[in-house]
């Protein structure tokens, strides 16, 4: 059972890292390069779509890592898993305090109702997102190391 839990947790967190990395370094760069209002409309749609899924994915990742730490207590790598779970908790706190408030505004914007400083807000979201991606990569790397 522990082996299956380790694999499932690592895959779920790895996919989360992949999606968030893609958003940071691929999707948002593509959207920013689109002409006219297309990029802002794409970010709004992405905020609505991913904003509906990500809370479950983030909390699920924390729960899986916590269960792995509990079930595997005393096994090799438990400290790494506990630290990874802590980083995943940090990513949730970052999301709630720094990214979700901006996303909740941005997902309602249209070219007609967006604020004058919308690009400044999106740049702020991007900077916090880069930091969150770094935290997630750290958590994922620790989980992989715990498997070795």
C-alpha atoms as a PDB file:
ATOM      1  CA  UNK A   1       0.000   0.000   0.000  1.00  0.00           C
ATOM      2  CA  UNK A   2       2.799   2.422   0.848  1.00  0.00           C
ATOM      3  CA  UNK A   3       4.395   1.865  -2.561  1.00  0.00           C
ATOM      4  CA  UNK A   4       1.140   2.743  -4.345  1.00  0.00           C
ATOM      5  CA  UNK A   5       0.647   5.825  -2.152  1.00  0.00           C
ATOM      6  CA  UNK A   6       4.181   7.000  -2.915  1.00  0.00           C
ATOM      7  CA  UNK A   7       3.659   6.628  -6.663  1.00  0.00           C
ATOM      8  CA  UNK A   8       0.217   8.245  -6.702  1.00  0.00           C
ATOM      9  CA  UNK A   9       1.404  11.183  -4.581  1.00  0.00           C
ATOM     10  CA  UNK A  10       4.482  11.728  -6.728  1.00  0.00           C
ATOM     11  CA  UNK A  11       2.481  11.585  -9.948  1.00  0.00           C
ATOM     12  CA  UNK A  12      -0.246  13.950  -8.669  1.00  0.00           C
ATOM     13  CA  UNK A  13       2.295  16.496  -7.415  1.00  0.00           C
ATOM     14  CA  UNK A  14       4.389  16.082 -10.560  1.00  0.00           C
ATOM     15  CA  UNK A  15       1.412  16.805 -12.779  1.00  0.00           C
ATOM     16  CA  UNK A  16       0.572  19.852 -10.640  1.00  0.00           C
ATOM     17  CA  UNK A  17       4.116  21.135 -11.088  1.00  0.00           C
ATOM     18  CA  UNK A  18       3.892  20.517 -14.831  1.00  0.00           C
ATOM     19  CA  UNK A  19       0.648  22.424 -15.226  1.00  0.00           C
ATOM     20  CA  UNK A  20       1.791  25.359 -13.096  1.00  0.00           C
ATOM     21  CA  UNK A  21       5.182  25.457 -14.848  1.00  0.00           C
ATOM     22  CA  UNK A  22       3.390  25.460 -18.194  1.00  0.00           C
ATOM     23  CA  UNK A  23       1.120  28.302 -17.103  1.00  0.00           C
ATOM     24  CA  UNK A  24       4.116  30.350 -15.952  1.00  0.00           C
ATOM     25  CA  UNK A  25       6.514  29.791 -18.807  1.00  0.00           C
ATOM     26  CA  UNK A  26       4.388  28.793 -21.801  1.00  0.00           C
ATOM     27  CA  UNK A  27       0.674  29.622 -21.635  1.00  0.00           C
ATOM     28  CA  UNK A  28       0.953  33.128 -20.188  1.00  0.00           C
ATOM     29  CA  UNK A  29       3.797  34.012 -22.580  1.00  0.00           C
ATOM     30  CA  UNK A  30       1.619  32.898 -25.500  1.00  0.00           C
ATOM     31  CA  UNK A  31      -1.377  34.860 -24.196  1.00  0.00           C
ATOM     32  CA  UNK A  32       0.756  37.971 -23.635  1.00  0.00           C
ATOM     33  CA  UNK A  33       1.882  37.848 -27.278  1.00  0.00           C
ATOM     34  CA  UNK A  34      -1.633  37.730 -28.738  1.00  0.00           C
ATOM     35  CA  UNK A  35      -2.917  40.887 -30.426  1.00  0.00           C
ATOM     36  CA  UNK A  36      -5.543  43.203 -29.020  1.00  0.00           C
ATOM     37  CA  UNK A  37      -7.620  41.993 -26.116  1.00  0.00           C
ATOM     38  CA  UNK A  38      -7.177  38.279 -26.848  1.00  0.00           C
ATOM     39  CA  UNK A  39      -4.486  37.765 -24.205  1.00  0.00           C
ATOM     40  CA  UNK A  40      -6.498  39.374 -21.440  1.00  0.00           C
ATOM     41  CA  UNK A  41      -9.590  37.410 -22.438  1.00  0.00           C
ATOM     42  CA  UNK A  42      -7.530  34.207 -22.450  1.00  0.00           C
ATOM     43  CA  UNK A  43      -6.149  34.929 -18.986  1.00  0.00           C
ATOM     44  CA  UNK A  44      -9.666  35.578 -17.706  1.00  0.00           C
ATOM     45  CA  UNK A  45     -10.905  32.303 -19.129  1.00  0.00           C
ATOM     46  CA  UNK A  46      -7.884  30.446 -17.771  1.00  0.00           C
ATOM     47  CA  UNK A  47      -8.479  31.998 -14.360  1.00  0.00           C
ATOM     48  CA  UNK A  48     -12.043  30.721 -14.339  1.00  0.00           C
ATOM     49  CA  UNK A  49     -11.181  27.258 -15.651  1.00  0.00           C
ATOM     50  CA  UNK A  50      -8.090  26.541 -13.547  1.00  0.00           C
ATOM     51  CA  UNK A  51      -9.517  28.427 -10.582  1.00  0.00           C
ATOM     52  CA  UNK A  52     -12.272  25.818 -10.401  1.00  0.00           C
ATOM     53  CA  UNK A  53      -9.890  22.827 -10.432  1.00  0.00           C
ATOM     54  CA  UNK A  54      -6.753  23.941  -8.639  1.00  0.00           C
ATOM     55  CA  UNK A  55      -8.132  24.134  -5.075  1.00  0.00           C
ATOM     56  CA  UNK A  56      -8.907  20.409  -5.185  1.00  0.00           C
ATOM     57  CA  UNK A  57      -5.558  19.592  -6.760  1.00  0.00           C
ATOM     58  CA  UNK A  58      -3.564  21.628  -4.225  1.00  0.00           C
ATOM     59  CA  UNK A  59      -5.446  20.331  -1.187  1.00  0.00           C
ATOM     60  CA  UNK A  60      -5.362  16.794  -2.584  1.00  0.00           C
ATOM     61  CA  UNK A  61      -1.591  17.034  -2.950  1.00  0.00           C
ATOM     62  CA  UNK A  62      -1.208  18.181   0.648  1.00  0.00           C
ATOM     63  CA  UNK A  63      -3.455  15.371   1.895  1.00  0.00           C
ATOM     64  CA  UNK A  64      -1.606  12.726  -0.131  1.00  0.00           C
ATOM     65  CA  UNK A  65       1.783  13.920   1.125  1.00  0.00           C
ATOM     66  CA  UNK A  66       0.515  14.031   4.718  1.00  0.00           C
ATOM     67  CA  UNK A  67      -0.909  10.514   4.456  1.00  0.00           C
ATOM     68  CA  UNK A  68       2.380   9.295   2.957  1.00  0.00           C
ATOM     69  CA  UNK A  69       4.271  10.861   5.878  1.00  0.00           C
ATOM     70  CA  UNK A  70       1.948   9.242   8.421  1.00  0.00           C
ATOM     71  CA  UNK A  71       1.760   5.806   6.810  1.00  0.00           C
ATOM     72  CA  UNK A  72       5.482   5.787   6.085  1.00  0.00           C
ATOM     73  CA  UNK A  73       6.553   7.145   9.463  1.00  0.00           C
ATOM     74  CA  UNK A  74       9.877   5.597  10.389  1.00  0.00           C
ATOM     75  CA  UNK A  75      10.665   4.520   6.828  1.00  0.00           C
ATOM     76  CA  UNK A  76      13.528   5.920   4.783  1.00  0.00           C
ATOM     77  CA  UNK A  77      12.784   9.405   3.465  1.00  0.00           C
ATOM     78  CA  UNK A  78      10.010  10.355   5.885  1.00  0.00           C
ATOM     79  CA  UNK A  79      11.730  13.634   6.729  1.00  0.00           C
ATOM     80  CA  UNK A  80      11.825  14.526   3.051  1.00  0.00           C
ATOM     81  CA  UNK A  81       8.116  13.773   2.711  1.00  0.00           C
ATOM     82  CA  UNK A  82       7.269  15.886   5.777  1.00  0.00           C
ATOM     83  CA  UNK A  83       9.297  18.763   4.350  1.00  0.00           C
ATOM     84  CA  UNK A  84       7.583  18.346   0.968  1.00  0.00           C
ATOM     85  CA  UNK A  85       4.188  18.422   2.678  1.00  0.00           C
ATOM     86  CA  UNK A  86       5.266  21.611   4.432  1.00  0.00           C
ATOM     87  CA  UNK A  87       6.215  23.185   1.104  1.00  0.00           C
ATOM     88  CA  UNK A  88       2.876  22.158  -0.357  1.00  0.00           C
ATOM     89  CA  UNK A  89       1.167  23.865   2.589  1.00  0.00           C
ATOM     90  CA  UNK A  90       3.260  26.981   1.881  1.00  0.00           C
ATOM     91  CA  UNK A  91       2.060  26.869  -1.745  1.00  0.00           C
ATOM     92  CA  UNK A  92      -1.573  26.729  -0.573  1.00  0.00           C
ATOM     93  CA  UNK A  93      -1.028  29.674   1.789  1.00  0.00           C
ATOM     94  CA  UNK A  94       0.689  31.637  -0.992  1.00  0.00           C
ATOM     95  CA  UNK A  95      -2.237  30.869  -3.272  1.00  0.00           C
ATOM     96  CA  UNK A  96      -4.861  31.975  -0.789  1.00  0.00           C
ATOM     97  CA  UNK A  97      -3.110  35.143   0.354  1.00  0.00           C
ATOM     98  CA  UNK A  98      -1.344  36.341  -2.792  1.00  0.00           C
ATOM     99  CA  UNK A  99      -2.620  34.766  -6.001  1.00  0.00           C
ATOM    100  CA  UNK A 100      -6.318  33.974  -5.515  1.00  0.00           C
ATOM    101  CA  UNK A 101      -7.290  37.593  -4.704  1.00  0.00           C
ATOM    102  CA  UNK A 102      -5.765  38.783  -7.979  1.00  0.00           C
ATOM    103  CA  UNK A 103      -7.195  35.816  -9.892  1.00  0.00           C
ATOM    104  CA  UNK A 104     -10.681  36.468  -8.498  1.00  0.00           C
ATOM    105  CA  UNK A 105     -10.529  39.963  -9.968  1.00  0.00           C
ATOM    106  CA  UNK A 106      -8.938  38.950 -13.267  1.00  0.00           C
ATOM    107  CA  UNK A 107     -11.351  36.162 -14.088  1.00  0.00           C
ATOM    108  CA  UNK A 108     -14.230  38.670 -14.253  1.00  0.00           C
ATOM    109  CA  UNK A 109     -12.478  41.169 -16.519  1.00  0.00           C
ATOM    110  CA  UNK A 110     -13.534  41.982 -20.028  1.00  0.00           C
ATOM    111  CA  UNK A 111     -12.041  44.687 -22.253  1.00  0.00           C
ATOM    112  CA  UNK A 112     -14.943  46.881 -21.154  1.00  0.00           C
ATOM    113  CA  UNK A 113     -14.639  46.507 -17.372  1.00  0.00           C
ATOM    114  CA  UNK A 114     -10.962  45.809 -16.659  1.00  0.00           C
ATOM    115  CA  UNK A 115      -9.115  48.351 -14.526  1.00  0.00           C
ATOM    116  CA  UNK A 116      -6.528  50.696 -15.975  1.00  0.00           C
ATOM    117  CA  UNK A 117      -3.734  48.893 -14.118  1.00  0.00           C
ATOM    118  CA  UNK A 118      -4.762  45.378 -15.185  1.00  0.00           C
ATOM    119  CA  UNK A 119      -1.356  44.640 -16.726  1.00  0.00           C
ATOM    120  CA  UNK A 120       0.365  45.681 -13.503  1.00  0.00           C
ATOM    121  CA  UNK A 121      -1.889  43.301 -11.552  1.00  0.00           C
ATOM    122  CA  UNK A 122      -1.198  40.464 -13.999  1.00  0.00           C
ATOM    123  CA  UNK A 123       2.550  41.097 -13.700  1.00  0.00           C
ATOM    124  CA  UNK A 124       2.222  40.929  -9.907  1.00  0.00           C
ATOM    125  CA  UNK A 125       0.302  37.638 -10.219  1.00  0.00           C
ATOM    126  CA  UNK A 126       3.019  36.310 -12.546  1.00  0.00           C
ATOM    127  CA  UNK A 127       5.805  37.167 -10.082  1.00  0.00           C
ATOM    128  CA  UNK A 128       4.018  35.433  -7.194  1.00  0.00           C
ATOM    129  CA  UNK A 129       3.245  32.509  -9.473  1.00  0.00           C
ATOM    130  CA  UNK A 130       6.961  32.094 -10.329  1.00  0.00           C
ATOM    131  CA  UNK A 131       7.700  31.908  -6.600  1.00  0.00           C
ATOM    132  CA  UNK A 132       4.910  29.373  -6.085  1.00  0.00           C
ATOM    133  CA  UNK A 133       6.222  27.248  -8.961  1.00  0.00           C
ATOM    134  CA  UNK A 134       9.658  27.236  -7.297  1.00  0.00           C
ATOM    135  CA  UNK A 135       8.072  26.041  -4.039  1.00  0.00           C
ATOM    136  CA  UNK A 136       6.175  23.313  -5.905  1.00  0.00           C
ATOM    137  CA  UNK A 137       9.312  22.165  -7.713  1.00  0.00           C
ATOM    138  CA  UNK A 138      11.048  21.919  -4.347  1.00  0.00           C
ATOM    139  CA  UNK A 139       8.219  19.808  -2.938  1.00  0.00           C
ATOM    140  CA  UNK A 140       8.243  17.538  -5.976  1.00  0.00           C
ATOM    141  CA  UNK A 141      12.025  17.110  -5.850  1.00  0.00           C
ATOM    142  CA  UNK A 142      11.807  16.112  -2.178  1.00  0.00           C
ATOM    143  CA  UNK A 143       9.112  13.546  -2.919  1.00  0.00           C
ATOM    144  CA  UNK A 144      11.217  12.052  -5.700  1.00  0.00           C
ATOM    145  CA  UNK A 145      14.262  11.997  -3.423  1.00  0.00           C
ATOM    146  CA  UNK A 146      12.209  10.208  -0.760  1.00  0.00           C
ATOM    147  CA  UNK A 147      11.545   7.427  -3.265  1.00  0.00           C
ATOM    148  CA  UNK A 148      15.269   6.867  -3.858  1.00  0.00           C
END
